[in-house]
Amino acid sequence: MLSNPYLNALAIVAIFWLGSYIITIAIGLIGKLTSKTKTDLDDRIIKAIKLPIRYFAIILGFYYGFKSFAWTWTLGSKEMGISDLMVALVILTAGFMISRLVKTVFTWYGEKDNIIMSQTMFIFLRRIINIVIYAVILMIVFSQLGIEITPLLASLGIAGLAIAMGLKPTIESLFAALFLVMDKSINVGDWIQLADGTKAYIEDISWRTVRIRTIGGNTVIVPNNVFANEIVSSYDYPEKHFTTSITVGVSYDTDLEKAEYIATQAAEKVIKEEGITLQENNPTIRYNLLDASSINFSIYVKVDTVQDEGRIKHALIKEIVKQFKENNIEIPFPQMVIHKNNE
């Protein structure tokens, strides 16, 4: 051992620090063995505990390196030493490990098809459990460090009203998130349309905001209390498929029965070529307007998901124009007829 106690302590810390890498390598070898099992849960658990175990090894290095030093300090009414600090760090690391394990198990279970609750509720429950874990761990650490929890809670209670007033928007967002999750009509992963026509995918519902991603790829962050009061159309509730449409106009001298037949054939061709699974009651043609220059009708097509809408409309318009040209059906453009007055 080294004659200088400080160098000796640092050497012990370095040895444990290097040992933490060796432990990580050993855990990686175990992971290769578990990768051959039927489930990947054990692989995820091993990955989750790697970092906390390294922290444990480093904390032990500091403990054995500096435990001989008579360093003490007073915190509240309790005299503290190196061992007390190390125990507190071990407890925090244990809480960190438990939190990672809970997240791992919840994420693994949440990916199963037979989950008994919505993904949104599942994610929210996981976050609440993590908060509870850290709260319990902090109380244990405070107790270990000699900090009285009861006076602290009383002080927080006195300041609670002032804090609540300052955090009123945040608290409103938290309760709005709870209402959104409990209502079950909007979930993470759903496609929705906002009142302004924006179509978006719900990426996450946190305690403060709803994060959505538009079809164009832009991320929009909306406070929960604002989102809860928004008029939202869901493309996934109660079912994922929905109906889209395009409007077509034909000239007044067109054989309407022929135009309807050709449009139906064109739509059915697109449905088949684009792989739409909803074949029943697909498509529907309805004449709906005697316009100034044309007789207009709408073609309604059921699509599997909102992501398919743009692609289906694109293919449908191209096929309609092609079929109408081949069958000499005119799609008129707006025009004005001027009659000359001979007087």
Protein backbone atom coordinates (compact mmCIF):
# COMPACT_ATOMS: atom_id res chain seq x y z
CA MET A 1 0.00 0.00 0.00
CA LEU A 2 1.07 3.61 -0.53
CA SER A 3 2.45 5.61 2.38
CA ASN A 4 0.34 8.68 1.60
CA PRO A 5 -3.21 7.99 2.89
CA TYR A 6 -4.82 10.21 0.22
CA LEU A 7 -2.99 8.48 -2.61
CA ASN A 8 -3.86 5.17 -1.02
CA ALA A 9 -7.56 6.12 -0.95
CA LEU A 10 -7.49 7.28 -4.58
CA ALA A 11 -5.77 4.04 -5.61
CA ILE A 12 -8.55 2.00 -3.97
CA VAL A 13 -11.18 4.13 -5.76
CA ALA A 14 -9.37 3.58 -9.08
CA ILE A 15 -9.25 -0.19 -8.50
CA PHE A 16 -12.99 -0.34 -7.82
CA TRP A 17 -13.63 1.96 -10.79
CA LEU A 18 -11.74 -0.42 -13.08
CA GLY A 19 -13.53 -3.31 -11.41
CA SER A 20 -16.85 -1.76 -12.36
CA TYR A 21 -15.86 -2.14 -16.03
CA ILE A 22 -14.99 -5.78 -15.47
CA ILE A 23 -18.38 -6.32 -13.84
CA THR A 24 -20.05 -4.65 -16.82
CA ILE A 25 -18.21 -6.98 -19.21
CA ALA A 26 -19.30 -9.99 -17.12
CA ILE A 27 -22.90 -8.82 -17.20
CA GLY A 28 -22.61 -8.43 -20.98
CA LEU A 29 -21.49 -12.08 -21.25
CA ILE A 30 -24.49 -13.14 -19.17
CA GLY A 31 -26.66 -11.08 -21.54
CA LYS A 32 -25.39 -13.11 -24.50
CA LEU A 33 -26.53 -16.29 -22.74
CA THR A 34 -29.97 -14.89 -21.92
CA SER A 35 -30.43 -13.68 -25.51
CA LYS A 36 -31.09 -17.32 -26.43
CA THR A 37 -34.20 -17.53 -24.25
CA LYS A 38 -37.74 -17.20 -25.67
CA THR A 39 -38.43 -13.84 -24.03
CA ASP A 40 -36.36 -10.68 -24.29
CA LEU A 41 -37.40 -9.45 -20.82
CA ASP A 42 -34.26 -10.92 -19.22
CA ASP A 43 -32.10 -9.14 -21.84
CA ARG A 44 -33.77 -5.83 -21.04
CA ILE A 45 -33.38 -6.36 -17.29
CA ILE A 46 -29.66 -7.06 -17.67
CA LYS A 47 -29.28 -3.92 -19.77
CA ALA A 48 -31.19 -1.89 -17.14
CA ILE A 49 -29.01 -2.99 -14.19
CA LYS A 50 -25.63 -2.43 -15.86
CA LEU A 51 -25.30 1.24 -14.99
CA PRO A 52 -26.58 1.02 -11.37
CA ILE A 53 -24.21 -1.87 -10.63
CA ARG A 54 -21.31 0.22 -11.89
CA TYR A 55 -22.41 3.00 -9.56
CA PHE A 56 -22.54 0.51 -6.65
CA ALA A 57 -18.95 -0.56 -7.36
CA ILE A 58 -17.69 3.03 -7.51
CA ILE A 59 -19.51 3.94 -4.27
CA LEU A 60 -17.90 0.94 -2.54
CA GLY A 61 -14.54 2.14 -3.81
CA PHE A 62 -15.05 5.54 -2.19
CA TYR A 63 -16.25 3.85 1.02
CA TYR A 64 -13.25 1.53 1.41
CA GLY A 65 -10.87 4.22 0.25
CA PHE A 66 -11.96 6.95 2.67
CA LYS A 67 -13.54 5.04 5.59
CA SER A 68 -10.36 5.38 7.66
CA PHE A 69 -10.56 9.18 7.51
CA ALA A 70 -12.19 10.66 10.60
CA TRP A 71 -14.28 13.15 8.67
CA THR A 72 -17.44 14.12 10.50
CA TRP A 73 -20.00 16.87 10.22
CA THR A 74 -23.23 17.77 11.93
CA LEU A 75 -26.52 17.81 10.04
CA GLY A 76 -29.41 18.89 12.21
CA SER A 77 -28.98 17.07 15.48
CA LYS A 78 -27.08 14.12 14.03
CA GLU A 79 -23.33 13.76 13.63
CA MET A 80 -22.53 12.31 10.22
CA GLY A 81 -19.57 10.35 8.88
CA ILE A 82 -18.34 8.81 5.65
CA SER A 83 -20.34 5.65 6.24
CA ASP A 84 -23.61 7.60 6.58
CA LEU A 85 -22.96 9.41 3.30
CA MET A 86 -22.10 6.15 1.53
CA VAL A 87 -25.27 4.48 2.81
CA ALA A 88 -27.31 7.41 1.50
CA LEU A 89 -25.66 7.09 -1.91
CA VAL A 90 -26.30 3.33 -1.94
CA ILE A 91 -29.98 3.96 -1.18
CA LEU A 92 -30.21 6.51 -4.01
CA THR A 93 -28.53 4.09 -6.41
CA ALA A 94 -30.91 1.33 -5.31
CA GLY A 95 -33.85 3.64 -6.05
CA PHE A 96 -32.32 4.41 -9.45
CA MET A 97 -32.05 0.69 -10.18
CA ILE A 98 -35.62 -0.02 -9.06
CA SER A 99 -36.89 2.83 -11.24
CA ARG A 100 -35.06 1.44 -14.29
CA LEU A 101 -36.38 -2.07 -13.61
CA VAL A 102 -39.96 -0.79 -13.27
CA LYS A 103 -39.64 1.13 -16.53
CA THR A 104 -38.16 -1.93 -18.26
CA VAL A 105 -40.89 -4.31 -17.08
CA PHE A 106 -43.67 -1.84 -17.87
CA THR A 107 -42.29 -1.10 -21.33
CA TRP A 108 -41.94 -4.81 -22.09
CA TYR A 109 -45.45 -5.60 -20.87
CA GLY A 110 -46.90 -2.55 -22.63
CA GLU A 111 -45.71 -3.90 -25.99
CA LYS A 112 -47.87 -6.99 -25.62
CA ASP A 113 -51.10 -7.24 -27.59
CA ASN A 114 -53.15 -8.56 -24.65
CA ILE A 115 -52.56 -5.56 -22.39
CA ILE A 116 -55.70 -4.97 -20.31
CA MET A 117 -55.55 -1.16 -20.30
CA SER A 118 -54.85 1.56 -22.85
CA GLN A 119 -51.25 2.41 -23.69
CA THR A 120 -51.79 5.96 -22.49
CA MET A 121 -53.09 4.84 -19.09
CA PHE A 122 -50.22 2.34 -18.90
CA ILE A 123 -47.55 4.99 -19.57
CA PHE A 124 -49.15 7.41 -17.11
CA LEU A 125 -49.32 4.71 -14.41
CA ARG A 126 -45.65 3.89 -14.98
CA ARG A 127 -44.67 7.51 -14.47
CA ILE A 128 -46.73 7.81 -11.29
CA ILE A 129 -45.08 4.66 -9.88
CA ASN A 130 -41.64 6.13 -10.66
CA ILE A 131 -42.55 9.34 -8.83
CA VAL A 132 -43.70 7.30 -5.80
CA ILE A 133 -40.45 5.25 -5.85
CA TYR A 134 -38.27 8.38 -5.84
CA ALA A 135 -40.41 10.00 -3.14
CA VAL A 136 -40.00 6.95 -0.87
CA ILE A 137 -36.26 6.77 -1.59
CA LEU A 138 -35.80 10.46 -0.76
CA MET A 139 -37.65 10.03 2.55
CA ILE A 140 -35.38 7.10 3.45
CA VAL A 141 -32.29 9.14 2.51
CA PHE A 142 -33.50 12.11 4.59
CA SER A 143 -34.01 9.76 7.52
CA GLN A 144 -30.52 8.31 7.04
CA LEU A 145 -29.01 11.80 6.97
CA GLY A 146 -30.88 12.82 10.11
CA ILE A 147 -33.24 15.26 8.43
CA GLU A 148 -36.61 15.32 10.21
CA ILE A 149 -39.35 14.71 7.63
CA THR A 150 -42.32 15.86 9.74
CA PRO A 151 -41.17 19.50 10.17
CA LEU A 152 -40.22 19.55 6.49
CA LEU A 153 -43.69 18.40 5.45
CA ALA A 154 -45.24 20.98 7.78
CA SER A 155 -43.14 23.72 6.18
CA LEU A 156 -44.19 22.55 2.74
CA GLY A 157 -47.81 22.62 3.87
CA ILE A 158 -47.51 26.24 4.98
CA ALA A 159 -45.90 27.23 1.69
CA GLY A 160 -48.21 24.98 -0.30
CA LEU A 161 -50.92 27.57 -0.88
CA ALA A 162 -48.48 30.13 -2.25
CA ILE A 163 -46.81 27.52 -4.43
CA ALA A 164 -50.18 26.27 -5.69
CA MET A 165 -51.16 29.79 -6.71
CA GLY A 166 -47.92 30.23 -8.61
CA LEU A 167 -48.22 26.82 -10.25
CA LYS A 168 -51.92 27.11 -11.04
CA PRO A 169 -51.48 26.58 -14.83
CA THR A 170 -49.23 23.58 -14.18
CA ILE A 171 -51.70 22.04 -11.74
CA GLU A 172 -54.52 22.60 -14.23
CA SER A 173 -52.45 20.80 -16.88
CA LEU A 174 -51.83 17.89 -14.50
CA PHE A 175 -55.53 17.39 -13.79
CA ALA A 176 -56.31 17.83 -17.49
CA ALA A 177 -53.83 15.01 -18.22
CA LEU A 178 -55.60 12.79 -15.67
CA PHE A 179 -58.97 13.51 -17.29
CA LEU A 180 -57.58 12.80 -20.78
CA VAL A 181 -56.12 9.48 -19.66
CA MET A 182 -59.20 8.38 -17.71
CA ASP A 183 -61.60 9.34 -20.52
CA LYS A 184 -59.85 6.83 -22.85
CA SER A 185 -61.14 8.54 -26.00
CA ILE A 186 -57.68 9.92 -26.83
CA ASN A 187 -54.59 7.73 -26.53
CA VAL A 188 -50.92 7.84 -27.38
CA GLY A 189 -50.55 6.61 -30.96
CA ASP A 190 -53.91 7.95 -32.17
CA TRP A 191 -54.36 10.05 -35.28
CA ILE A 192 -56.50 13.12 -34.69
CA GLN A 193 -57.71 16.27 -36.42
CA LEU A 194 -57.82 19.56 -34.53
CA ALA A 195 -60.50 22.22 -34.96
CA ASP A 196 -58.28 24.17 -37.38
CA GLY A 197 -57.99 21.12 -39.67
CA THR A 198 -54.51 20.04 -38.55
CA LYS A 199 -54.08 16.27 -38.74
CA ALA A 200 -51.56 14.88 -36.31
CA TYR A 201 -50.29 11.82 -34.46
CA ILE A 202 -50.26 11.85 -30.63
CA GLU A 203 -46.69 11.09 -29.58
CA ASP A 204 -46.97 11.57 -25.84
CA ILE A 205 -49.26 12.75 -23.04
CA SER A 206 -47.18 13.98 -20.12
CA TRP A 207 -48.21 15.60 -16.84
CA ARG A 208 -47.98 19.06 -18.47
CA THR A 209 -48.32 18.83 -22.25
CA VAL A 210 -49.60 16.78 -25.16
CA ARG A 211 -46.98 16.35 -27.87
CA ILE A 212 -48.35 15.75 -31.35
CA ARG A 213 -46.63 15.32 -34.72
CA THR A 214 -48.31 16.53 -37.89
CA ILE A 215 -48.41 14.59 -41.14
CA GLY A 216 -45.78 17.02 -42.42
CA GLY A 217 -43.43 15.94 -39.61
CA ASN A 218 -43.68 19.06 -37.42
CA THR A 219 -43.94 18.61 -33.65
CA VAL A 220 -46.59 20.67 -31.85
CA ILE A 221 -46.60 20.93 -28.05
CA VAL A 222 -49.99 21.79 -26.55
CA PRO A 223 -50.65 22.39 -22.81
CA ASN A 224 -52.99 19.74 -21.43
CA ASN A 225 -55.59 22.25 -20.23
CA VAL A 226 -55.71 23.79 -23.72
CA PHE A 227 -55.89 20.40 -25.45
CA ALA A 228 -58.65 19.20 -23.11
CA ASN A 229 -60.85 22.09 -24.26
CA GLU A 230 -60.02 21.58 -27.95
CA ILE A 231 -62.57 20.12 -30.38
CA VAL A 232 -60.78 17.00 -31.62
CA SER A 233 -61.79 14.47 -34.27
CA SER A 234 -60.26 11.04 -33.69
CA TYR A 235 -59.39 8.72 -36.57
CA ASP A 236 -58.75 5.82 -34.19
CA TYR A 237 -61.74 5.99 -31.83
CA PRO A 238 -63.79 3.86 -31.78
CA GLU A 239 -62.25 2.34 -34.95
CA LYS A 240 -59.06 3.08 -36.87
CA HIS A 241 -60.48 3.08 -40.41
CA PHE A 242 -62.38 6.05 -41.78
CA THR A 243 -63.91 7.41 -44.99
CA THR A 244 -62.27 9.93 -47.30
CA SER A 245 -63.68 11.50 -50.46
CA ILE A 246 -62.93 13.52 -53.58
CA THR A 247 -65.38 15.66 -55.56
CA VAL A 248 -65.62 15.45 -59.35
CA GLY A 249 -67.66 17.50 -61.82
CA VAL A 250 -68.99 16.35 -65.21
CA SER A 251 -70.63 18.38 -67.96
CA TYR A 252 -74.41 18.66 -68.20
CA ASP A 253 -74.60 16.57 -71.40
CA THR A 254 -72.88 13.59 -69.71
CA ASP A 255 -74.62 10.23 -69.34
CA LEU A 256 -74.74 10.21 -65.52
CA GLU A 257 -75.20 6.45 -65.27
CA LYS A 258 -72.08 5.91 -67.40
CA ALA A 259 -70.07 8.45 -65.41
CA GLU A 260 -71.08 6.79 -62.15
CA TYR A 261 -70.13 3.35 -63.48
CA ILE A 262 -66.72 4.51 -64.78
CA ALA A 263 -65.97 6.34 -61.50
CA THR A 264 -66.89 3.21 -59.51
CA GLN A 265 -64.64 1.03 -61.67
CA ALA A 266 -61.76 3.49 -61.28
CA ALA A 267 -62.18 3.62 -57.49
CA GLU A 268 -62.37 -0.17 -57.20
CA LYS A 269 -59.16 -0.46 -59.21
CA VAL A 270 -57.38 1.96 -56.86
CA ILE A 271 -58.68 0.09 -53.81
CA LYS A 272 -57.30 -3.18 -55.16
CA GLU A 273 -53.94 -1.80 -56.33
CA GLU A 274 -53.31 0.22 -53.15
CA GLY A 275 -54.02 -2.77 -50.90
CA ILE A 276 -56.95 -1.37 -48.90
CA THR A 277 -58.27 -4.15 -46.67
CA LEU A 278 -61.73 -2.64 -46.17
CA GLN A 279 -63.43 -4.06 -49.25
CA GLU A 280 -67.03 -4.10 -47.98
CA ASN A 281 -69.24 -1.12 -48.97
CA ASN A 282 -66.35 0.39 -50.88
CA PRO A 283 -66.65 2.73 -52.80
CA THR A 284 -69.82 4.92 -52.82
CA ILE A 285 -70.83 7.50 -55.45
CA ARG A 286 -73.29 10.32 -54.68
CA TYR A 287 -74.35 13.17 -56.97
CA ASN A 288 -74.74 16.22 -54.74
CA LEU A 289 -74.62 19.54 -56.61
CA LEU A 290 -75.89 21.21 -59.78
CA ASP A 291 -73.09 23.71 -60.18
CA ALA A 292 -72.80 26.58 -62.65
CA SER A 293 -70.67 24.62 -65.13
CA SER A 294 -70.97 21.00 -63.97
CA ILE A 295 -72.91 18.32 -62.17
CA ASN A 296 -70.81 17.39 -59.16
CA PHE A 297 -70.55 14.07 -57.37
CA SER A 298 -68.39 12.73 -54.53
CA ILE A 299 -66.54 9.43 -54.43
CA TYR A 300 -66.38 8.06 -50.87
CA VAL A 301 -63.70 5.48 -50.14
CA LYS A 302 -63.01 3.72 -46.86
CA VAL A 303 -59.30 3.61 -46.02
CA ASP A 304 -57.48 1.63 -43.34
CA THR A 305 -55.73 4.52 -41.56
CA VAL A 306 -55.40 8.27 -41.91
CA GLN A 307 -51.81 7.80 -43.12
CA ASP A 308 -53.24 6.22 -46.28
CA GLU A 309 -55.51 9.17 -47.12
CA GLY A 310 -53.07 11.28 -49.14
CA ARG A 311 -51.82 8.30 -51.13
CA ILE A 312 -55.34 7.06 -51.91
CA LYS A 313 -56.58 10.49 -53.00
CA HIS A 314 -53.51 10.91 -55.20
CA ALA A 315 -54.08 7.57 -56.95
CA LEU A 316 -57.85 8.09 -57.19
CA ILE A 317 -57.62 11.49 -58.90
CA LYS A 318 -55.12 10.17 -61.44
CA GLU A 319 -57.25 7.13 -62.23
CA ILE A 320 -60.51 9.12 -62.52
CA VAL A 321 -58.96 11.60 -64.97
CA LYS A 322 -57.45 8.74 -67.00
CA GLN A 323 -60.69 6.73 -67.17
CA PHE A 324 -62.82 9.76 -68.01
CA LYS A 325 -60.49 10.73 -70.88
CA GLU A 326 -60.56 7.19 -72.27
CA ASN A 327 -64.38 7.18 -72.17
CA ASN A 328 -64.85 10.74 -73.47
CA ILE A 329 -66.41 12.03 -70.26
CA GLU A 330 -65.76 15.73 -69.89
CA ILE A 331 -64.61 17.29 -66.65
CA PRO A 332 -65.53 20.92 -67.36
CA PHE A 333 -63.73 23.97 -66.07
CA PRO A 334 -65.63 27.07 -64.88
CA GLN A 335 -66.78 29.12 -67.84
CA MET A 336 -68.99 32.06 -68.61
CA VAL A 337 -71.27 32.30 -71.68
CA ILE A 338 -71.79 35.86 -72.96
CA HIS A 339 -74.89 36.56 -75.07
CA LYS A 340 -74.55 39.54 -77.41
CA ASN A 341 -77.47 41.97 -77.38
CA ASN A 342 -78.27 43.00 -80.99
CA GLU A 343 -80.45 45.98 -79.97
